[in-house]
Amino acid sequence: STNFVISDTGMATVNFEYYGYEGITTGATVTILIE
């Protein structure tokens, strides 16, 4: 899940998350690029 918002003051906020499976998912690499 990802949510990208820019406030009136110019603050960019990126909320990001992932959910896997306990005992199966071992980790992740999350790359955020703002252009």
Full PDB file with SEQRES, HELIX, SHEET, SSBOND, CRYST1, ORIGX, SCALE, CONECT and MASTER records, all heavy atoms in Angstrom:
SEQRES   1 A   35  SER THR ASN PHE VAL ILE SER ASP THR GLY MET ALA THR          
SEQRES   2 A   35  VAL ASN PHE GLU TYR TYR GLY TYR GLU GLY ILE THR THR          
SEQRES   3 A   35  GLY ALA THR VAL THR ILE LEU ILE GLU                          
SHEET    1 AA1 2 THR A   2  ILE A   6  0                                        
SHEET    2 AA1 2 ALA A  12  PHE A  16 -1                                        
CRYST1    1.000    1.000    1.000  90.00  90.00  90.00 P 1           1          
ORIGX1      1.000000  0.000000  0.000000        0.00000                         
ORIGX2      0.000000  1.000000  0.000000        0.00000                         
ORIGX3      0.000000  0.000000  1.000000        0.00000                         
SCALE1      1.000000  0.000000  0.000000        0.00000                         
SCALE2      0.000000  1.000000  0.000000        0.00000                         
SCALE3      0.000000  0.000000  1.000000        0.00000                         
ATOM      1  N   SER A   1       0.848  -1.191   0.000  1.00  0.00           N  
ATOM      2  CA  SER A   1       0.000   0.000   0.000  1.00  0.00           C  
ATOM      3  C   SER A   1       0.882   1.239   0.000  1.00  0.00           C  
ATOM      4  O   SER A   1       1.891   1.295   0.706  1.00  0.00           O  
ATOM      5  CB  SER A   1      -0.893  -0.003   1.234  1.00  0.00           C  
ATOM      6  OG  SER A   1      -1.654   1.188   1.294  1.00  0.00           O  
ATOM      7  N   THR A   2       0.481   2.247  -0.783  1.00  0.00           N  
ATOM      8  CA  THR A   2       1.228   3.491  -0.891  1.00  0.00           C  
ATOM      9  C   THR A   2       0.262   4.661  -0.926  1.00  0.00           C  
ATOM     10  O   THR A   2      -0.786   4.587  -1.563  1.00  0.00           O  
ATOM     11  CB  THR A   2       2.066   3.512  -2.185  1.00  0.00           C  
ATOM     12  OG1 THR A   2       2.947   2.397  -2.175  1.00  0.00           O  
ATOM     13  CG2 THR A   2       2.872   4.776  -2.303  1.00  0.00           C  
ATOM     14  N   ASN A   3       0.619   5.757  -0.251  1.00  0.00           N  
ATOM     15  CA  ASN A   3      -0.163   6.980  -0.295  1.00  0.00           C  
ATOM     16  C   ASN A   3       0.810   8.156  -0.381  1.00  0.00           C  
ATOM     17  O   ASN A   3       1.719   8.271   0.431  1.00  0.00           O  
ATOM     18  CB  ASN A   3      -1.057   7.099   0.931  1.00  0.00           C  
ATOM     19  CG  ASN A   3      -1.992   8.281   0.839  1.00  0.00           C  
ATOM     20  OD1 ASN A   3      -2.363   8.704  -0.250  1.00  0.00           O  
ATOM     21  ND2 ASN A   3      -2.352   8.823   1.976  1.00  0.00           N  
ATOM     22  N   PHE A   4       0.612   9.035  -1.373  1.00  0.00           N  
ATOM     23  CA  PHE A   4       1.490  10.183  -1.615  1.00  0.00           C  
ATOM     24  C   PHE A   4       0.651  11.455  -1.562  1.00  0.00           C  
ATOM     25  O   PHE A   4      -0.332  11.587  -2.277  1.00  0.00           O  
ATOM     26  CB  PHE A   4       2.146  10.029  -2.990  1.00  0.00           C  
ATOM     27  CG  PHE A   4       2.996  11.191  -3.420  1.00  0.00           C  
ATOM     28  CD1 PHE A   4       4.031  11.637  -2.626  1.00  0.00           C  
ATOM     29  CD2 PHE A   4       2.774  11.813  -4.636  1.00  0.00           C  
ATOM     30  CE1 PHE A   4       4.829  12.695  -3.036  1.00  0.00           C  
ATOM     31  CE2 PHE A   4       3.568  12.865  -5.063  1.00  0.00           C  
ATOM     32  CZ  PHE A   4       4.597  13.310  -4.257  1.00  0.00           C  
ATOM     33  N   VAL A   5       1.046  12.404  -0.683  1.00  0.00           N  
ATOM     34  CA  VAL A   5       0.320  13.656  -0.503  1.00  0.00           C  
ATOM     35  C   VAL A   5       1.332  14.783  -0.353  1.00  0.00           C  
ATOM     36  O   VAL A   5       2.393  14.602   0.250  1.00  0.00           O  
ATOM     37  CB  VAL A   5      -0.585  13.602   0.751  1.00  0.00           C  
ATOM     38  CG1 VAL A   5      -1.290  14.921   0.984  1.00  0.00           C  
ATOM     39  CG2 VAL A   5      -1.589  12.477   0.641  1.00  0.00           C  
ATOM     40  N   ILE A   6       0.981  15.959  -0.881  1.00  0.00           N  
ATOM     41  CA  ILE A   6       1.793  17.158  -0.675  1.00  0.00           C  
ATOM     42  C   ILE A   6       0.917  18.180   0.045  1.00  0.00           C  
ATOM     43  O   ILE A   6      -0.182  18.507  -0.412  1.00  0.00           O  
ATOM     44  CB  ILE A   6       2.298  17.727  -2.015  1.00  0.00           C  
ATOM     45  CG1 ILE A   6       3.167  16.696  -2.724  1.00  0.00           C  
ATOM     46  CG2 ILE A   6       3.084  19.021  -1.774  1.00  0.00           C  
ATOM     47  CD1 ILE A   6       3.614  17.104  -4.110  1.00  0.00           C  
ATOM     48  N   SER A   7       1.415  18.704   1.156  1.00  0.00           N  
ATOM     49  CA  SER A   7       0.646  19.665   1.953  1.00  0.00           C  
ATOM     50  C   SER A   7       0.733  21.055   1.333  1.00  0.00           C  
ATOM     51  O   SER A   7       1.498  21.297   0.394  1.00  0.00           O  
ATOM     52  CB  SER A   7       1.169  19.698   3.389  1.00  0.00           C  
ATOM     53  OG  SER A   7       2.439  20.326   3.411  1.00  0.00           O  
ATOM     54  N   ASP A   8      -0.026  22.000   1.894  1.00  0.00           N  
ATOM     55  CA  ASP A   8      -0.001  23.390   1.425  1.00  0.00           C  
ATOM     56  C   ASP A   8       1.363  24.046   1.619  1.00  0.00           C  
ATOM     57  O   ASP A   8       1.709  24.988   0.915  1.00  0.00           O  
ATOM     58  CB  ASP A   8      -1.061  24.222   2.159  1.00  0.00           C  
ATOM     59  CG  ASP A   8      -2.473  23.784   1.815  1.00  0.00           C  
ATOM     60  OD1 ASP A   8      -2.650  23.169   0.739  1.00  0.00           O  
ATOM     61  OD2 ASP A   8      -3.386  24.047   2.615  1.00  0.00           O  
ATOM     62  N   THR A   9       2.133  23.548   2.571  1.00  0.00           N  
ATOM     63  CA  THR A   9       3.461  24.117   2.836  1.00  0.00           C  
ATOM     64  C   THR A   9       4.558  23.460   1.993  1.00  0.00           C  
ATOM     65  O   THR A   9       5.719  23.813   2.118  1.00  0.00           O  
ATOM     66  CB  THR A   9       3.824  23.959   4.331  1.00  0.00           C  
ATOM     67  OG1 THR A   9       3.871  22.564   4.656  1.00  0.00           O  
ATOM     68  CG2 THR A   9       2.820  24.667   5.217  1.00  0.00           C  
ATOM     69  N   GLY A  10       4.190  22.484   1.158  1.00  0.00           N  
ATOM     70  CA  GLY A  10       5.171  21.833   0.293  1.00  0.00           C  
ATOM     71  C   GLY A  10       5.814  20.597   0.899  1.00  0.00           C  
ATOM     72  O   GLY A  10       6.807  20.092   0.380  1.00  0.00           O  
ATOM     73  N   MET A  11       5.254  20.080   1.987  1.00  0.00           N  
ATOM     74  CA  MET A  11       5.792  18.870   2.607  1.00  0.00           C  
ATOM     75  C   MET A  11       5.202  17.650   1.896  1.00  0.00           C  
ATOM     76  O   MET A  11       3.994  17.434   1.908  1.00  0.00           O  
ATOM     77  CB  MET A  11       5.443  18.813   4.096  1.00  0.00           C  
ATOM     78  CG  MET A  11       5.932  17.562   4.801  1.00  0.00           C  
ATOM     79  SD  MET A  11       7.730  17.417   4.861  1.00  0.00           S  
ATOM     80  CE  MET A  11       8.126  18.681   6.050  1.00  0.00           C  
ATOM     81  N   ALA A  12       6.086  16.880   1.268  1.00  0.00           N  
ATOM     82  CA  ALA A  12       5.661  15.636   0.614  1.00  0.00           C  
ATOM     83  C   ALA A  12       5.677  14.524   1.659  1.00  0.00           C  
ATOM     84  O   ALA A  12       6.660  14.361   2.386  1.00  0.00           O  
ATOM     85  CB  ALA A  12       6.587  15.290  -0.536  1.00  0.00           C  
ATOM     86  N   THR A  13       4.599  13.771   1.712  1.00  0.00           N  
ATOM     87  CA  THR A  13       4.474  12.659   2.654  1.00  0.00           C  
ATOM     88  C   THR A  13       4.158  11.397   1.862  1.00  0.00           C  
ATOM     89  O   THR A  13       3.201  11.370   1.094  1.00  0.00           O  
ATOM     90  CB  THR A  13       3.338  12.922   3.665  1.00  0.00           C  
ATOM     91  OG1 THR A  13       3.584  14.168   4.313  1.00  0.00           O  
ATOM     92  CG2 THR A  13       3.269  11.814   4.694  1.00  0.00           C  
ATOM     93  N   VAL A  14       4.999  10.372   2.057  1.00  0.00           N  
ATOM     94  CA  VAL A  14       4.791   9.082   1.400  1.00  0.00           C  
ATOM     95  C   VAL A  14       4.589   8.040   2.488  1.00  0.00           C  
ATOM     96  O   VAL A  14       5.512   7.733   3.239  1.00  0.00           O  
ATOM     97  CB  VAL A  14       5.988   8.682   0.504  1.00  0.00           C  
ATOM     98  CG1 VAL A  14       5.697   7.370  -0.209  1.00  0.00           C  
ATOM     99  CG2 VAL A  14       6.316   9.784  -0.484  1.00  0.00           C  
ATOM    100  N   ASN A  15       3.368   7.519   2.605  1.00  0.00           N  
ATOM    101  CA  ASN A  15       3.078   6.405   3.512  1.00  0.00           C  
ATOM    102  C   ASN A  15       3.208   5.122   2.698  1.00  0.00           C  
ATOM    103  O   ASN A  15       2.602   5.008   1.640  1.00  0.00           O  
ATOM    104  CB  ASN A  15       1.655   6.497   4.057  1.00  0.00           C  
ATOM    105  CG  ASN A  15       1.462   7.687   4.950  1.00  0.00           C  
ATOM    106  OD1 ASN A  15       2.080   7.782   5.990  1.00  0.00           O  
ATOM    107  ND2 ASN A  15       0.622   8.617   4.526  1.00  0.00           N  
ATOM    108  N   PHE A  16       3.988   4.169   3.193  1.00  0.00           N  
ATOM    109  CA  PHE A  16       4.160   2.921   2.452  1.00  0.00           C  
ATOM    110  C   PHE A  16       4.208   1.753   3.424  1.00  0.00           C  
ATOM    111  O   PHE A  16       4.671   1.888   4.554  1.00  0.00           O  
ATOM    112  CB  PHE A  16       5.412   2.960   1.571  1.00  0.00           C  
ATOM    113  CG  PHE A  16       6.691   3.210   2.323  1.00  0.00           C  
ATOM    114  CD1 PHE A  16       7.524   2.153   2.667  1.00  0.00           C  
ATOM    115  CD2 PHE A  16       7.070   4.486   2.679  1.00  0.00           C  
ATOM    116  CE1 PHE A  16       8.705   2.370   3.351  1.00  0.00           C  
ATOM    117  CE2 PHE A  16       8.255   4.718   3.367  1.00  0.00           C  
ATOM    118  CZ  PHE A  16       9.080   3.656   3.696  1.00  0.00           C  
ATOM    119  N   GLU A  17       3.687   0.612   2.961  1.00  0.00           N  
ATOM    120  CA  GLU A  17       3.678  -0.578   3.799  1.00  0.00           C  
ATOM    121  C   GLU A  17       3.527  -1.822   2.947  1.00  0.00           C  
ATOM    122  O   GLU A  17       3.025  -1.768   1.833  1.00  0.00           O  
ATOM    123  CB  GLU A  17       2.552  -0.516   4.822  1.00  0.00           C  
ATOM    124  CG  GLU A  17       1.162  -0.475   4.216  1.00  0.00           C  
ATOM    125  CD  GLU A  17       0.060  -0.313   5.245  1.00  0.00           C  
ATOM    126  OE1 GLU A  17       0.210  -0.808   6.379  1.00  0.00           O  
ATOM    127  OE2 GLU A  17      -0.959   0.313   4.919  1.00  0.00           O  
ATOM    128  N   TYR A  18       4.011  -2.917   3.493  1.00  0.00           N  
ATOM    129  CA  TYR A  18       3.755  -4.221   2.881  1.00  0.00           C  
ATOM    130  C   TYR A  18       3.453  -5.207   3.990  1.00  0.00           C  
ATOM    131  O   TYR A  18       3.899  -5.052   5.132  1.00  0.00           O  
ATOM    132  CB  TYR A  18       4.936  -4.706   2.016  1.00  0.00           C  
ATOM    133  CG  TYR A  18       6.086  -5.286   2.798  1.00  0.00           C  
ATOM    134  CD1 TYR A  18       6.136  -6.645   3.122  1.00  0.00           C  
ATOM    135  CD2 TYR A  18       7.134  -4.490   3.227  1.00  0.00           C  
ATOM    136  CE1 TYR A  18       7.178  -7.177   3.852  1.00  0.00           C  
ATOM    137  CE2 TYR A  18       8.189  -5.017   3.944  1.00  0.00           C  
ATOM    138  CZ  TYR A  18       8.208  -6.364   4.263  1.00  0.00           C  
ATOM    139  OH  TYR A  18       9.244  -6.885   4.988  1.00  0.00           O  
ATOM    140  N   TYR A  19       2.663  -6.209   3.659  1.00  0.00           N  
ATOM    141  CA  TYR A  19       2.379  -7.317   4.566  1.00  0.00           C  
ATOM    142  C   TYR A  19       2.596  -8.603   3.795  1.00  0.00           C  
ATOM    143  O   TYR A  19       2.093  -8.771   2.695  1.00  0.00           O  
ATOM    144  CB  TYR A  19       0.941  -7.275   5.099  1.00  0.00           C  
ATOM    145  CG  TYR A  19       0.716  -6.139   6.054  1.00  0.00           C  
ATOM    146  CD1 TYR A  19       0.101  -4.973   5.636  1.00  0.00           C  
ATOM    147  CD2 TYR A  19       1.142  -6.227   7.372  1.00  0.00           C  
ATOM    148  CE1 TYR A  19      -0.099  -3.915   6.500  1.00  0.00           C  
ATOM    149  CE2 TYR A  19       0.952  -5.177   8.244  1.00  0.00           C  
ATOM    150  CZ  TYR A  19       0.332  -4.026   7.801  1.00  0.00           C  
ATOM    151  OH  TYR A  19       0.150  -2.977   8.671  1.00  0.00           O  
ATOM    152  N   GLY A  20       3.359  -9.504   4.394  1.00  0.00           N  
ATOM    153  CA  GLY A  20       3.587 -10.809   3.801  1.00  0.00           C  
ATOM    154  C   GLY A  20       2.943 -11.872   4.659  1.00  0.00           C  
ATOM    155  O   GLY A  20       1.886 -11.654   5.267  1.00  0.00           O  
ATOM    156  N   TYR A  21       3.611 -13.002   4.737  1.00  0.00           N  
ATOM    157  CA  TYR A  21       3.102 -14.140   5.485  1.00  0.00           C  
ATOM    158  C   TYR A  21       4.120 -14.542   6.535  1.00  0.00           C  
ATOM    159  O   TYR A  21       5.289 -14.763   6.222  1.00  0.00           O  
ATOM    160  CB  TYR A  21       2.829 -15.317   4.544  1.00  0.00           C  
ATOM    161  CG  TYR A  21       1.883 -14.967   3.428  1.00  0.00           C  
ATOM    162  CD1 TYR A  21       2.349 -14.710   2.142  1.00  0.00           C  
ATOM    163  CD2 TYR A  21       0.517 -14.875   3.661  1.00  0.00           C  
ATOM    164  CE1 TYR A  21       1.474 -14.375   1.119  1.00  0.00           C  
ATOM    165  CE2 TYR A  21      -0.363 -14.542   2.649  1.00  0.00           C  
ATOM    166  CZ  TYR A  21       0.124 -14.295   1.379  1.00  0.00           C  
ATOM    167  OH  TYR A  21      -0.736 -13.956   0.383  1.00  0.00           O  
ATOM    168  N   GLU A  22       3.674 -14.619   7.780  1.00  0.00           N  
ATOM    169  CA  GLU A  22       4.564 -15.001   8.868  1.00  0.00           C  
ATOM    170  C   GLU A  22       5.130 -16.385   8.596  1.00  0.00           C  
ATOM    171  O   GLU A  22       4.403 -17.309   8.234  1.00  0.00           O  
ATOM    172  CB  GLU A  22       3.808 -14.987  10.200  1.00  0.00           C  
ATOM    173  CG  GLU A  22       4.714 -15.093  11.401  1.00  0.00           C  
ATOM    174  CD  GLU A  22       3.980 -14.833  12.700  1.00  0.00           C  
ATOM    175  OE1 GLU A  22       2.758 -14.610  12.677  1.00  0.00           O  
ATOM    176  OE2 GLU A  22       4.652 -14.857  13.738  1.00  0.00           O  
ATOM    177  N   GLY A  23       6.440 -16.533   8.722  1.00  0.00           N  
ATOM    178  CA  GLY A  23       7.107 -17.804   8.482  1.00  0.00           C  
ATOM    179  C   GLY A  23       7.467 -18.026   7.016  1.00  0.00           C  
ATOM    180  O   GLY A  23       8.161 -18.983   6.691  1.00  0.00           O  
ATOM    181  N   ILE A  24       7.007 -17.155   6.130  1.00  0.00           N  
ATOM    182  CA  ILE A  24       7.310 -17.290   4.697  1.00  0.00           C  
ATOM    183  C   ILE A  24       8.057 -16.063   4.186  1.00  0.00           C  
ATOM    184  O   ILE A  24       9.119 -16.175   3.591  1.00  0.00           O  
ATOM    185  CB  ILE A  24       6.015 -17.507   3.881  1.00  0.00           C  
ATOM    186  CG1 ILE A  24       5.399 -18.857   4.250  1.00  0.00           C  
ATOM    187  CG2 ILE A  24       6.298 -17.429   2.388  1.00  0.00           C  
ATOM    188  CD1 ILE A  24       4.064 -19.122   3.598  1.00  0.00           C  
ATOM    189  N   THR A  25       7.517 -14.875   4.440  1.00  0.00           N  
ATOM    190  CA  THR A  25       8.148 -13.640   3.973  1.00  0.00           C  
ATOM    191  C   THR A  25       9.327 -13.312   4.876  1.00  0.00           C  
ATOM    192  O   THR A  25       9.182 -13.283   6.100  1.00  0.00           O  
ATOM    193  CB  THR A  25       7.130 -12.481   3.991  1.00  0.00           C  
ATOM    194  OG1 THR A  25       5.994 -12.869   3.219  1.00  0.00           O  
ATOM    195  CG2 THR A  25       7.737 -11.219   3.431  1.00  0.00           C  
ATOM    196  N   THR A  26      10.485 -13.062   4.270  1.00  0.00           N  
ATOM    197  CA  THR A  26      11.699 -12.806   5.058  1.00  0.00           C  
ATOM    198  C   THR A  26      12.121 -11.350   5.073  1.00  0.00           C  
ATOM    199  O   THR A  26      12.852 -10.932   5.963  1.00  0.00           O  
ATOM    200  CB  THR A  26      12.869 -13.647   4.530  1.00  0.00           C  
ATOM    201  OG1 THR A  26      13.078 -13.342   3.150  1.00  0.00           O  
ATOM    202  CG2 THR A  26      12.596 -15.133   4.711  1.00  0.00           C  
ATOM    203  N   GLY A  27      11.712 -10.561   4.107  1.00  0.00           N  
ATOM    204  CA  GLY A  27      12.106  -9.155   4.086  1.00  0.00           C  
ATOM    205  C   GLY A  27      11.787  -8.507   2.755  1.00  0.00           C  
ATOM    206  O   GLY A  27      11.206  -9.123   1.865  1.00  0.00           O  
ATOM    207  N   ALA A  28      12.200  -7.242   2.635  1.00  0.00           N  
ATOM    208  CA  ALA A  28      11.899  -6.506   1.414  1.00  0.00           C  
ATOM    209  C   ALA A  28      12.871  -5.362   1.226  1.00  0.00           C  
ATOM    210  O   ALA A  28      13.533  -4.925   2.166  1.00  0.00           O  
ATOM    211  CB  ALA A  28      10.476  -5.965   1.451  1.00  0.00           C  
ATOM    212  N   THR A  29      12.935  -4.895  -0.003  1.00  0.00           N  
ATOM    213  CA  THR A  29      13.610  -3.653  -0.348  1.00  0.00           C  
ATOM    214  C   THR A  29      12.548  -2.743  -0.938  1.00  0.00           C  
ATOM    215  O   THR A  29      11.857  -3.120  -1.884  1.00  0.00           O  
ATOM    216  CB  THR A  29      14.735  -3.893  -1.369  1.00  0.00           C  
ATOM    217  OG1 THR A  29      15.672  -4.801  -0.810  1.00  0.00           O  
ATOM    218  CG2 THR A  29      15.426  -2.596  -1.733  1.00  0.00           C  
ATOM    219  N   VAL A  30      12.409  -1.554  -0.347  1.00  0.00           N  
ATOM    220  CA  VAL A  30      11.409  -0.587  -0.805  1.00  0.00           C  
ATOM    221  C   VAL A  30      12.153   0.638  -1.304  1.00  0.00           C  
ATOM    222  O   VAL A  30      12.948   1.225  -0.569  1.00  0.00           O  
ATOM    223  CB  VAL A  30      10.438  -0.196   0.334  1.00  0.00           C  
ATOM    224  CG1 VAL A  30       9.394   0.776  -0.169  1.00  0.00           C  
ATOM    225  CG2 VAL A  30       9.788  -1.427   0.941  1.00  0.00           C  
ATOM    226  N   THR A  31      11.928   1.002  -2.569  1.00  0.00           N  
ATOM    227  CA  THR A  31      12.582   2.164  -3.166  1.00  0.00           C  
ATOM    228  C   THR A  31      11.530   3.217  -3.469  1.00  0.00           C  
ATOM    229  O   THR A  31      10.534   2.931  -4.132  1.00  0.00           O  
ATOM    230  CB  THR A  31      13.323   1.775  -4.458  1.00  0.00           C  
ATOM    231  OG1 THR A  31      14.271   0.762  -4.157  1.00  0.00           O  
ATOM    232  CG2 THR A  31      14.033   2.974  -5.062  1.00  0.00           C  
ATOM    233  N   ILE A  32      11.777   4.433  -2.977  1.00  0.00           N  
ATOM    234  CA  ILE A  32      10.865   5.552  -3.198  1.00  0.00           C  
ATOM    235  C   ILE A  32      11.571   6.570  -4.080  1.00  0.00           C  
ATOM    236  O   ILE A  32      12.693   6.980  -3.791  1.00  0.00           O  
ATOM    237  CB  ILE A  32      10.452   6.200  -1.867  1.00  0.00           C  
ATOM    238  CG1 ILE A  32       9.755   5.174  -0.979  1.00  0.00           C  
ATOM    239  CG2 ILE A  32       9.565   7.420  -2.103  1.00  0.00           C  
ATOM    240  CD1 ILE A  32       9.487   5.654   0.424  1.00  0.00           C  
ATOM    241  N   LEU A  33      10.905   6.971  -5.153  1.00  0.00           N  
ATOM    242  CA  LEU A  33      11.448   7.952  -6.080  1.00  0.00           C  
ATOM    243  C   LEU A  33      10.411   9.051  -6.275  1.00  0.00           C  
ATOM    244  O   LEU A  33       9.279   8.782  -6.692  1.00  0.00           O  
ATOM    245  CB  LEU A  33      11.771   7.294  -7.426  1.00  0.00           C  
ATOM    246  CG  LEU A  33      12.278   8.200  -8.535  1.00  0.00           C  
ATOM    247  CD1 LEU A  33      13.615   8.829  -8.156  1.00  0.00           C  
ATOM    248  CD2 LEU A  33      12.397   7.430  -9.832  1.00  0.00           C  
ATOM    249  N   ILE A  34      10.788  10.288  -5.937  1.00  0.00           N  
ATOM    250  CA  ILE A  34       9.926  11.444  -6.177  1.00  0.00           C  
ATOM    251  C   ILE A  34      10.560  12.255  -7.303  1.00  0.00           C  
ATOM    252  O   ILE A  34      11.750  12.571  -7.255  1.00  0.00           O  
ATOM    253  CB  ILE A  34       9.759  12.309  -4.915  1.00  0.00           C  
ATOM    254  CG1 ILE A  34       9.100  11.492  -3.795  1.00  0.00           C  
ATOM    255  CG2 ILE A  34       8.939  13.562  -5.226  1.00  0.00           C  
ATOM    256  CD1 ILE A  34       8.978  12.236  -2.480  1.00  0.00           C  
ATOM    257  N   GLU A  35       9.731  12.575  -8.310  1.00  0.00           N  
ATOM    258  CA  GLU A  35      10.211  13.313  -9.475  1.00  0.00           C  
ATOM    259  C   GLU A  35       9.317  14.536  -9.703  1.00  0.00           C  
ATOM    260  O   GLU A  35       8.148  14.516  -9.354  1.00  0.00           O  
ATOM    261  CB  GLU A  35      10.164  12.435 -10.725  1.00  0.00           C  
ATOM    262  CG  GLU A  35      10.959  11.153 -10.589  1.00  0.00           C  
ATOM    263  CD  GLU A  35      10.594  10.141 -11.656  1.00  0.00           C  
ATOM    264  OE1 GLU A  35       9.435   9.693 -11.650  1.00  0.00           O  
ATOM    265  OE2 GLU A  35      11.457   9.825 -12.484  1.00  0.00           O  
TER     266      GLU A  35                                                      
MASTER        0    0    0    0    2    0    0    6  265    1    0    3          
END                                                                             
